[in-house]
C-alpha atoms as a PDB file:
ATOM      1  CA  MET A   1      11.368  11.849 -25.502  1.00  0.00           C
ATOM      2  CA  GLN A   2      10.563  12.321 -21.495  1.00  0.00           C
ATOM      3  CA  PRO A   3       7.501  14.139 -20.232  1.00  0.00           C
ATOM      4  CA  THR A   4       8.166  18.147 -20.175  1.00  0.00           C
ATOM      5  CA  ALA A   5       4.890  18.605 -17.889  1.00  0.00           C
ATOM      6  CA  SER A   6       5.460  19.751 -14.434  1.00  0.00           C
ATOM      7  CA  ARG A   7       5.077  17.946 -11.538  1.00  0.00           C
ATOM      8  CA  GLY A   8       1.476  17.131 -10.790  1.00  0.00           C
ATOM      9  CA  GLY A   9       0.278  17.483 -14.141  1.00  0.00           C
ATOM     10  CA  GLU A  10      -0.646  15.557 -17.174  1.00  0.00           C
ATOM     11  CA  GLY A  11       2.310  12.948 -18.502  1.00  0.00           C
ATOM     12  CA  VAL A  12       3.951  13.079 -14.902  1.00  0.00           C
ATOM     13  CA  THR A  13       5.079   9.635 -13.660  1.00  0.00           C
ATOM     14  CA  THR A  14       4.586   8.824  -9.816  1.00  0.00           C
ATOM     15  CA  ARG A  15       7.139   6.442  -8.503  1.00  0.00           C
ATOM     16  CA  LEU A  16       5.731   4.993  -5.354  1.00  0.00           C
ATOM     17  CA  LEU A  17       7.854   2.157  -3.758  1.00  0.00           C
ATOM     18  CA  PHE A  18       6.025  -0.207  -1.462  1.00  0.00           C
ATOM     19  CA  LEU A  19       7.741  -2.790   1.340  1.00  0.00           C
ATOM     20  CA  GLY A  20       5.697  -4.895   4.035  1.00  0.00           C
ATOM     21  CA  ASP A  21       6.654  -6.275   7.188  1.00  0.00           C
ATOM     22  CA  VAL A  22      10.338  -5.332   7.877  1.00  0.00           C
ATOM     23  CA  HIS A  23       9.858  -6.675  11.348  1.00  0.00           C
ATOM     24  CA  TYR A  24      13.278  -5.614  12.371  1.00  0.00           C
ATOM     25  CA  THR A  25      15.058  -7.008  15.889  1.00  0.00           C
ATOM     26  CA  SER A  26      18.435  -7.180  16.871  1.00  0.00           C
ATOM     27  CA  THR A  27      17.477 -10.697  18.557  1.00  0.00           C
ATOM     28  CA  PRO A  28      16.758 -13.121  15.720  1.00  0.00           C
ATOM     29  CA  PRO A  29      13.193 -14.833  15.754  1.00  0.00           C
ATOM     30  CA  ARG A  30      13.408 -18.265  16.536  1.00  0.00           C
ATOM     31  CA  GLY A  31      14.182 -20.313  13.508  1.00  0.00           C
ATOM     32  CA  ARG A  32      16.656 -17.509  11.933  1.00  0.00           C
ATOM     33  CA  THR A  33      20.494 -17.506  11.919  1.00  0.00           C
ATOM     34  CA  ALA A  34      22.150 -14.736  13.984  1.00  0.00           C
ATOM     35  CA  ALA A  35      22.790 -12.831  10.787  1.00  0.00           C
ATOM     36  CA  TYR A  36      19.238 -11.765  10.756  1.00  0.00           C
ATOM     37  CA  PRO A  37      19.401  -8.597  12.286  1.00  0.00           C
ATOM     38  CA  ALA A  38      22.083  -7.424   9.765  1.00  0.00           C
ATOM     39  CA  GLN A  39      20.405  -9.052   7.008  1.00  0.00           C
ATOM     40  CA  ILE A  40      16.988  -6.509   7.129  1.00  0.00           C
ATOM     41  CA  LEU A  41      19.371  -3.521   7.924  1.00  0.00           C
ATOM     42  CA  ASP A  42      21.213  -4.326   4.745  1.00  0.00           C
ATOM     43  CA  LYS A  43      17.738  -4.874   2.887  1.00  0.00           C
ATOM     44  CA  LEU A  44      16.515  -1.868   3.761  1.00  0.00           C
ATOM     45  CA  ALA A  45      19.804   0.171   2.754  1.00  0.00           C
ATOM     46  CA  ARG A  46      19.678  -1.495  -0.617  1.00  0.00           C
ATOM     47  CA  ILE A  47      16.022  -0.806  -0.689  1.00  0.00           C
ATOM     48  CA  ALA A  48      17.144   2.941   0.002  1.00  0.00           C
ATOM     49  CA  LYS A  49      19.772   3.117  -2.393  1.00  0.00           C
ATOM     50  CA  LEU A  50      17.153   1.537  -5.362  1.00  0.00           C
ATOM     51  CA  SER A  51      14.897   4.229  -3.907  1.00  0.00           C
ATOM     52  CA  LYS A  52      17.178   6.844  -4.876  1.00  0.00           C
ATOM     53  CA  SER A  53      18.525   5.775  -8.073  1.00  0.00           C
ATOM     54  CA  LEU A  54      14.766   5.007  -9.254  1.00  0.00           C
ATOM     55  CA  LYS A  55      14.011   8.588  -8.187  1.00  0.00           C
ATOM     56  CA  VAL A  56      11.319   7.367  -6.021  1.00  0.00           C
ATOM     57  CA  ASP A  57       9.142   9.758  -4.904  1.00  0.00           C
ATOM     58  CA  LEU A  58       7.505   8.040  -1.842  1.00  0.00           C
ATOM     59  CA  ALA A  59       8.683   4.631   0.109  1.00  0.00           C
ATOM     60  CA  VAL A  60       5.467   3.075   1.765  1.00  0.00           C
ATOM     61  CA  CYS A  61       5.745   0.542   4.509  1.00  0.00           C
ATOM     62  CA  THR A  62       2.379  -1.894   5.369  1.00  0.00           C
ATOM     63  CA  GLY A  63       2.933  -2.060   8.954  1.00  0.00           C
ATOM     64  CA  ASP A  64       5.129  -4.418  11.187  1.00  0.00           C
ATOM     65  CA  LEU A  65       8.449  -2.382  11.200  1.00  0.00           C
ATOM     66  CA  PHE A  66       9.462  -4.119  14.326  1.00  0.00           C
ATOM     67  CA  HIS A  67       9.362  -7.874  15.204  1.00  0.00           C
ATOM     68  CA  ARG A  68       8.770  -7.080  19.107  1.00  0.00           C
ATOM     69  CA  LYS A  69       6.095  -4.684  20.107  1.00  0.00           C
ATOM     70  CA  ALA A  70       8.521  -3.343  22.587  1.00  0.00           C
ATOM     71  CA  PRO A  71      11.993  -3.322  21.032  1.00  0.00           C
ATOM     72  CA  PRO A  72      15.161  -2.082  22.663  1.00  0.00           C
ATOM     73  CA  ASP A  73      16.630   1.629  22.138  1.00  0.00           C
ATOM     74  CA  ALA A  74      19.326   0.026  19.841  1.00  0.00           C
ATOM     75  CA  ASP A  75      16.426  -1.221  17.586  1.00  0.00           C
ATOM     76  CA  VAL A  76      14.826   2.115  17.199  1.00  0.00           C
ATOM     77  CA  THR A  77      17.750   3.895  16.722  1.00  0.00           C
ATOM     78  CA  ALA A  78      18.950   1.329  13.946  1.00  0.00           C
ATOM     79  CA  LEU A  79      15.481   1.858  11.953  1.00  0.00           C
ATOM     80  CA  ILE A  80      15.864   5.758  12.380  1.00  0.00           C
ATOM     81  CA  ARG A  81      19.098   5.385  10.524  1.00  0.00           C
ATOM     82  CA  ALA A  82      17.600   2.887   8.368  1.00  0.00           C
ATOM     83  CA  PHE A  83      14.885   5.204   6.933  1.00  0.00           C
ATOM     84  CA  LYS A  84      16.950   8.583   7.174  1.00  0.00           C
ATOM     85  CA  ALA A  85      18.534   6.835   3.997  1.00  0.00           C
ATOM     86  CA  PHE A  86      15.025   6.701   1.861  1.00  0.00           C
ATOM     87  CA  PRO A  87      14.389   9.768  -0.399  1.00  0.00           C
ATOM     88  CA  GLY A  88      13.560  12.660   1.623  1.00  0.00           C
ATOM     89  CA  GLY A  89      14.796  11.042   4.777  1.00  0.00           C
ATOM     90  CA  ARG A  90      12.023   9.537   5.878  1.00  0.00           C
ATOM     91  CA  ILE A  91       9.297   6.604   4.643  1.00  0.00           C
ATOM     92  CA  ALA A  92       5.139   6.565   5.222  1.00  0.00           C
ATOM     93  CA  ALA A  93       3.528   3.724   6.680  1.00  0.00           C
ATOM     94  CA  VAL A  94       0.915   2.492   8.641  1.00  0.00           C
ATOM     95  CA  LEU A  95       0.791   0.900  11.929  1.00  0.00           C
ATOM     96  CA  GLY A  96       0.997  -2.869  12.528  1.00  0.00           C
ATOM     97  CA  ASN A  97       0.246  -5.428  14.629  1.00  0.00           C
ATOM     98  CA  HIS A  98       3.908  -6.219  16.086  1.00  0.00           C
ATOM     99  CA  ASP A  99       4.127  -2.233  16.227  1.00  0.00           C
ATOM    100  CA  THR A 100       1.847  -2.030  19.128  1.00  0.00           C
ATOM    101  CA  THR A 101       0.010  -3.459  22.149  1.00  0.00           C
ATOM    102  CA  LYS A 102      -3.666  -1.841  21.367  1.00  0.00           C
ATOM    103  CA  PRO A 103      -4.845  -2.208  17.981  1.00  0.00           C
ATOM    104  CA  GLY A 104      -4.653   1.138  15.660  1.00  0.00           C
ATOM    105  CA  ASP A 105      -3.086   2.718  18.937  1.00  0.00           C
ATOM    106  CA  LYS A 106       0.824   3.938  18.573  1.00  0.00           C
ATOM    107  CA  THR A 107       0.719   5.923  22.038  1.00  0.00           C
ATOM    108  CA  GLY A 108       3.750   4.861  23.898  1.00  0.00           C
ATOM    109  CA  THR A 109       5.015   2.617  21.177  1.00  0.00           C
ATOM    110  CA  ALA A 110       8.648   3.123  19.372  1.00  0.00           C
ATOM    111  CA  TYR A 111       6.312   3.512  16.183  1.00  0.00           C
ATOM    112  CA  GLU A 112       5.408   6.654  17.983  1.00  0.00           C
ATOM    113  CA  ILE A 113       9.084   7.268  18.487  1.00  0.00           C
ATOM    114  CA  LEU A 114       9.767   6.760  14.619  1.00  0.00           C
ATOM    115  CA  CYS A 115       7.292   9.254  13.758  1.00  0.00           C
ATOM    116  CA  ALA A 116       8.314  11.983  16.612  1.00  0.00           C
ATOM    117  CA  ALA A 117      11.649  11.594  14.863  1.00  0.00           C
ATOM    118  CA  GLY A 118      10.712  12.196  11.626  1.00  0.00           C
ATOM    119  CA  VAL A 119      11.543   8.878   9.796  1.00  0.00           C
ATOM    120  CA  VAL A 120       7.997   7.880   9.506  1.00  0.00           C
ATOM    121  CA  GLU A 121       4.530   9.599   8.127  1.00  0.00           C
ATOM    122  CA  ASP A 122       1.687   7.681   9.524  1.00  0.00           C
ATOM    123  CA  LEU A 123      -0.628   7.721   7.030  1.00  0.00           C
ATOM    124  CA  ARG A 124      -3.854   7.029   9.339  1.00  0.00           C
ATOM    125  CA  ASP A 125      -2.948  10.589  11.136  1.00  0.00           C
ATOM    126  CA  ALA A 126      -2.772  12.443   7.988  1.00  0.00           C
ATOM    127  CA  PRO A 127      -3.179  11.396   4.223  1.00  0.00           C
ATOM    128  CA  LYS A 128       0.066  11.812   2.035  1.00  0.00           C
ATOM    129  CA  SER A 129      -0.484  13.560  -1.257  1.00  0.00           C
ATOM    130  CA  VAL A 130       2.347  12.687  -3.989  1.00  0.00           C
ATOM    131  CA  ASP A 131       1.691  14.551  -7.858  1.00  0.00           C
ATOM    132  CA  GLY A 132      -2.425  14.305  -7.436  1.00  0.00           C
ATOM    133  CA  ILE A 133      -2.584  10.972  -5.882  1.00  0.00           C
ATOM    134  CA  THR A 134      -3.494  10.354  -1.938  1.00  0.00           C
ATOM    135  CA  LEU A 135      -2.338   7.885   0.260  1.00  0.00           C
ATOM    136  CA  THR A 136      -4.014   7.093   3.563  1.00  0.00           C
ATOM    137  CA  GLY A 137      -4.100   4.464   5.934  1.00  0.00           C
ATOM    138  CA  ALA A 138      -5.612   1.518   8.141  1.00  0.00           C
ATOM    139  CA  SER A 139      -3.431   0.264  10.782  1.00  0.00           C
ATOM    140  CA  TRP A 140      -4.217  -3.438  12.089  1.00  0.00           C
ATOM    141  CA  ALA A 141      -7.107  -4.205  14.248  1.00  0.00           C
ATOM    142  CA  PRO A 142      -8.594  -7.818  15.256  1.00  0.00           C
ATOM    143  CA  GLU A 143     -11.207  -9.400  13.251  1.00  0.00           C
ATOM    144  CA  ASP A 144     -13.727  -8.522  15.869  1.00  0.00           C
ATOM    145  CA  THR A 145     -13.529  -4.952  15.781  1.00  0.00           C
ATOM    146  CA  PHE A 146     -12.243  -4.469  11.955  1.00  0.00           C
ATOM    147  CA  ASP A 147     -14.127  -2.379   9.770  1.00  0.00           C
ATOM    148  CA  ALA A 148     -13.769  -3.048   6.354  1.00  0.00           C
ATOM    149  CA  GLY A 149     -15.351   0.102   4.968  1.00  0.00           C
ATOM    150  CA  ILE A 150     -11.767   1.792   6.079  1.00  0.00           C
ATOM    151  CA  MET A 151      -9.849  -0.298   3.974  1.00  0.00           C
ATOM    152  CA  TYR A 152     -10.943   0.869   0.314  1.00  0.00           C
ATOM    153  CA  ALA A 153     -10.137   3.937  -1.796  1.00  0.00           C
ATOM    154  CA  ARG A 154     -12.707   6.559  -1.932  1.00  0.00           C
ATOM    155  CA  GLY A 155     -11.328   7.883  -5.224  1.00  0.00           C
ATOM    156  CA  ALA A 156      -9.850   7.521  -8.596  1.00  0.00           C
ATOM    157  CA  ASN A 157      -6.864   8.670  -7.327  1.00  0.00           C
ATOM    158  CA  GLU A 158      -6.683   7.258  -3.627  1.00  0.00           C
ATOM    159  CA  ILE A 159      -4.462   4.713  -2.614  1.00  0.00           C
ATOM    160  CA  LYS A 160      -5.552   2.695   0.836  1.00  0.00           C
ATOM    161  CA  VAL A 161      -2.566   1.067   2.361  1.00  0.00           C
ATOM    162  CA  ALA A 162      -3.552  -1.392   5.181  1.00  0.00           C
ATOM    163  CA  HIS A 163      -2.186  -4.111   7.609  1.00  0.00           C
ATOM    164  CA  GLY A 164      -4.559  -6.456   7.577  1.00  0.00           C
ATOM    165  CA  MET A 165      -6.693  -8.796   5.724  1.00  0.00           C
ATOM    166  CA  LEU A 166      -9.663  -9.656   4.055  1.00  0.00           C
ATOM    167  CA  MET A 167     -10.920 -12.881   4.656  1.00  0.00           C
ATOM    168  CA  PRO A 168     -14.233 -14.575   3.706  1.00  0.00           C
ATOM    169  CA  GLU A 169     -16.763 -14.947   6.523  1.00  0.00           C
ATOM    170  CA  ASP A 170     -16.520 -18.765   6.437  1.00  0.00           C
ATOM    171  CA  ARG A 171     -13.040 -18.373   7.265  1.00  0.00           C
ATOM    172  CA  GLU A 172     -12.081 -18.487  10.836  1.00  0.00           C
ATOM    173  CA  TYR A 173      -9.014 -17.746  12.372  1.00  0.00           C
ATOM    174  CA  PRO A 174      -6.442 -19.327  12.795  1.00  0.00           C
ATOM    175  CA  PHE A 175      -6.306 -20.212   9.552  1.00  0.00           C
END
Protein backbone atom coordinates (compact mmCIF):
# COMPACT_ATOMS: atom_id res chain seq x y z
CA MET A 1 0.00 0.00 0.00
CA GLN A 2 1.29 3.46 -0.89
CA PRO A 3 1.55 6.18 1.78
CA THR A 4 -1.43 8.52 1.61
CA ALA A 5 0.13 11.48 3.47
CA SER A 6 0.23 14.80 1.70
CA ARG A 7 3.51 16.08 0.26
CA GLY A 8 5.77 17.20 3.07
CA GLY A 9 4.06 14.98 5.65
CA GLU A 10 5.08 11.76 7.36
CA GLY A 11 5.50 8.77 5.09
CA VAL A 12 6.20 10.78 1.94
CA THR A 13 9.05 9.62 -0.26
CA THR A 14 11.19 12.40 -1.65
CA ARG A 15 13.16 11.50 -4.74
CA LEU A 16 16.36 13.40 -5.47
CA LEU A 17 18.63 12.50 -8.36
CA PHE A 18 22.28 13.55 -8.20
CA LEU A 19 24.58 13.83 -11.20
CA GLY A 20 28.07 15.20 -11.28
CA ASP A 21 30.52 16.76 -13.64
CA VAL A 22 28.60 16.82 -16.92
CA HIS A 23 31.59 18.45 -18.69
CA TYR A 24 29.60 19.23 -21.83
CA THR A 25 31.50 20.63 -24.79
CA SER A 26 30.86 20.56 -28.53
CA THR A 27 34.61 20.13 -29.08
CA PRO A 28 35.70 16.72 -27.78
CA PRO A 29 38.40 16.95 -25.10
CA ARG A 30 41.80 15.45 -25.85
CA GLY A 31 41.61 11.68 -25.78
CA ARG A 32 37.85 11.59 -26.46
CA THR A 33 36.16 10.50 -29.66
CA ALA A 34 34.28 12.78 -32.04
CA ALA A 35 31.05 11.29 -30.63
CA TYR A 36 31.70 12.82 -27.18
CA PRO A 37 29.27 15.80 -27.47
CA ALA A 38 26.41 13.63 -28.74
CA GLN A 39 27.11 11.02 -26.07
CA ILE A 40 26.89 13.60 -23.27
CA LEU A 41 23.62 15.02 -24.61
CA ASP A 42 22.23 11.49 -25.04
CA LYS A 43 23.16 10.63 -21.45
CA LEU A 44 21.44 13.80 -20.21
CA ALA A 45 18.33 12.95 -22.24
CA ARG A 46 18.27 9.43 -20.78
CA ILE A 47 18.74 10.78 -17.24
CA ALA A 48 15.92 13.31 -17.79
CA LYS A 49 13.62 10.56 -19.07
CA LEU A 50 14.52 8.31 -16.14
CA SER A 51 13.93 11.22 -13.74
CA LYS A 52 10.43 11.67 -15.09
CA SER A 53 9.60 7.96 -15.04
CA LEU A 54 10.79 7.70 -11.41
CA LYS A 55 8.89 10.88 -10.51
CA VAL A 56 12.05 12.56 -9.26
CA ASP A 57 11.28 15.71 -7.28
CA LEU A 58 14.56 17.42 -8.13
CA ALA A 59 17.68 16.66 -10.15
CA VAL A 60 20.87 18.10 -8.66
CA CYS A 61 24.26 18.57 -10.35
CA THR A 62 27.48 18.92 -8.36
CA GLY A 63 29.16 21.34 -10.78
CA ASP A 64 31.24 21.35 -13.95
CA LEU A 65 28.25 21.63 -16.27
CA PHE A 66 30.64 22.73 -19.01
CA HIS A 67 34.08 21.41 -19.90
CA ARG A 68 35.39 24.81 -20.99
CA LYS A 69 35.22 27.96 -18.88
CA ALA A 70 34.00 30.03 -21.84
CA PRO A 71 31.94 27.71 -24.03
CA PRO A 72 30.45 28.83 -27.34
CA ASP A 73 26.81 29.96 -27.42
CA ALA A 74 25.80 26.69 -29.11
CA ASP A 75 26.99 24.76 -26.03
CA VAL A 76 24.91 26.96 -23.75
CA THR A 77 21.87 26.46 -25.99
CA ALA A 78 22.42 22.69 -25.99
CA LEU A 79 22.40 22.55 -22.18
CA ILE A 80 19.36 24.82 -21.94
CA ARG A 81 17.49 22.34 -24.15
CA ALA A 82 18.82 19.36 -22.20
CA PHE A 83 17.88 20.74 -18.77
CA LYS A 84 14.40 21.76 -19.93
CA ALA A 85 13.70 18.03 -20.36
CA PHE A 86 14.19 17.39 -16.62
CA PRO A 87 11.26 17.37 -14.17
CA GLY A 88 10.12 20.96 -13.68
CA GLY A 89 12.20 22.03 -16.69
CA ARG A 90 15.30 22.68 -14.58
CA ILE A 91 17.98 21.27 -12.30
CA ALA A 92 19.59 22.59 -9.13
CA ALA A 93 23.37 22.95 -9.18
CA VAL A 94 26.52 24.47 -7.78
CA LEU A 95 29.31 26.20 -9.67
CA GLY A 96 32.27 23.99 -10.58
CA ASN A 97 35.85 24.94 -11.40
CA HIS A 98 35.23 24.35 -15.12
CA ASP A 99 32.26 26.76 -15.02
CA THR A 100 34.15 29.89 -13.91
CA THR A 101 37.48 31.69 -13.94
CA LYS A 102 36.92 33.16 -10.46
CA PRO A 103 36.19 30.78 -7.58
CA GLY A 104 32.58 31.07 -6.43
CA ASP A 105 31.76 33.84 -8.95
CA LYS A 106 29.36 33.05 -11.77
CA THR A 107 29.25 36.65 -13.07
CA GLY A 108 29.57 36.74 -16.85
CA THR A 109 29.72 32.97 -17.21
CA ALA A 110 27.73 30.48 -19.25
CA TYR A 111 26.56 29.06 -15.90
CA GLU A 112 25.00 32.46 -15.14
CA ILE A 113 23.17 32.31 -18.48
CA LEU A 114 21.73 28.90 -17.55
CA CYS A 115 20.51 30.42 -14.27
CA ALA A 116 18.99 33.41 -16.07
CA ALA A 117 17.28 31.06 -18.54
CA GLY A 118 15.60 29.35 -15.59
CA VAL A 119 17.06 25.90 -16.24
CA VAL A 120 19.56 26.00 -13.36
CA GLU A 121 18.79 26.99 -9.79
CA ASP A 122 22.06 27.89 -8.05
CA LEU A 123 22.05 26.32 -4.59
CA ARG A 124 24.68 28.76 -3.39
CA ASP A 125 22.43 31.72 -4.17
CA ALA A 126 19.34 30.32 -2.52
CA PRO A 127 18.64 27.10 -0.65
CA LYS A 128 16.04 24.85 -2.24
CA SER A 129 13.44 23.09 -0.12
CA VAL A 130 11.77 19.88 -1.24
CA ASP A 131 9.33 18.18 1.13
CA GLY A 132 11.02 19.57 4.23
CA ILE A 133 14.53 18.76 3.00
CA THR A 134 16.74 21.79 2.41
CA LEU A 135 19.50 21.65 -0.18
CA THR A 136 22.25 24.25 0.09
CA GLY A 137 25.34 24.70 -2.04
CA ALA A 138 29.06 25.31 -1.85
CA SER A 139 30.80 26.19 -5.10
CA TRP A 140 34.33 25.24 -5.98
CA ALA A 141 37.12 27.13 -4.26
CA PRO A 142 40.87 26.56 -4.41
CA GLU A 143 42.40 24.95 -1.37
CA ASP A 144 44.12 28.11 -0.14
CA THR A 145 40.78 29.91 0.20
CA PHE A 146 38.69 26.88 1.07
CA ASP A 147 36.57 27.08 4.23
CA ALA A 148 35.64 23.53 5.23
CA GLY A 149 32.94 24.95 7.49
CA ILE A 150 30.77 25.77 4.49
CA MET A 151 30.83 22.16 3.40
CA TYR A 152 28.81 20.67 6.22
CA ALA A 153 25.06 20.48 6.59
CA ARG A 154 23.68 22.35 9.61
CA GLY A 155 20.63 20.24 10.33
CA ALA A 156 19.15 16.78 10.11
CA ASN A 157 17.09 17.72 7.05
CA GLU A 158 19.80 19.58 5.13
CA ILE A 159 21.86 18.25 2.26
CA LYS A 160 24.96 20.24 1.37
CA VAL A 161 25.82 19.98 -2.32
CA ALA A 162 29.42 20.85 -3.08
CA HIS A 163 31.93 20.93 -5.88
CA GLY A 164 35.21 20.36 -4.19
CA MET A 165 37.08 17.89 -2.16
CA LEU A 166 38.17 17.37 1.36
CA MET A 167 41.73 16.13 1.54
CA PRO A 168 43.78 15.24 4.59
CA GLU A 169 46.14 18.06 5.55
CA ASP A 170 49.20 15.90 4.85
CA ARG A 171 48.27 15.61 1.14
CA GLU A 172 49.45 18.29 -1.23
CA TYR A 173 48.02 19.27 -4.59
CA PRO A 174 48.52 17.79 -7.14
CA PHE A 175 47.79 14.34 -5.78
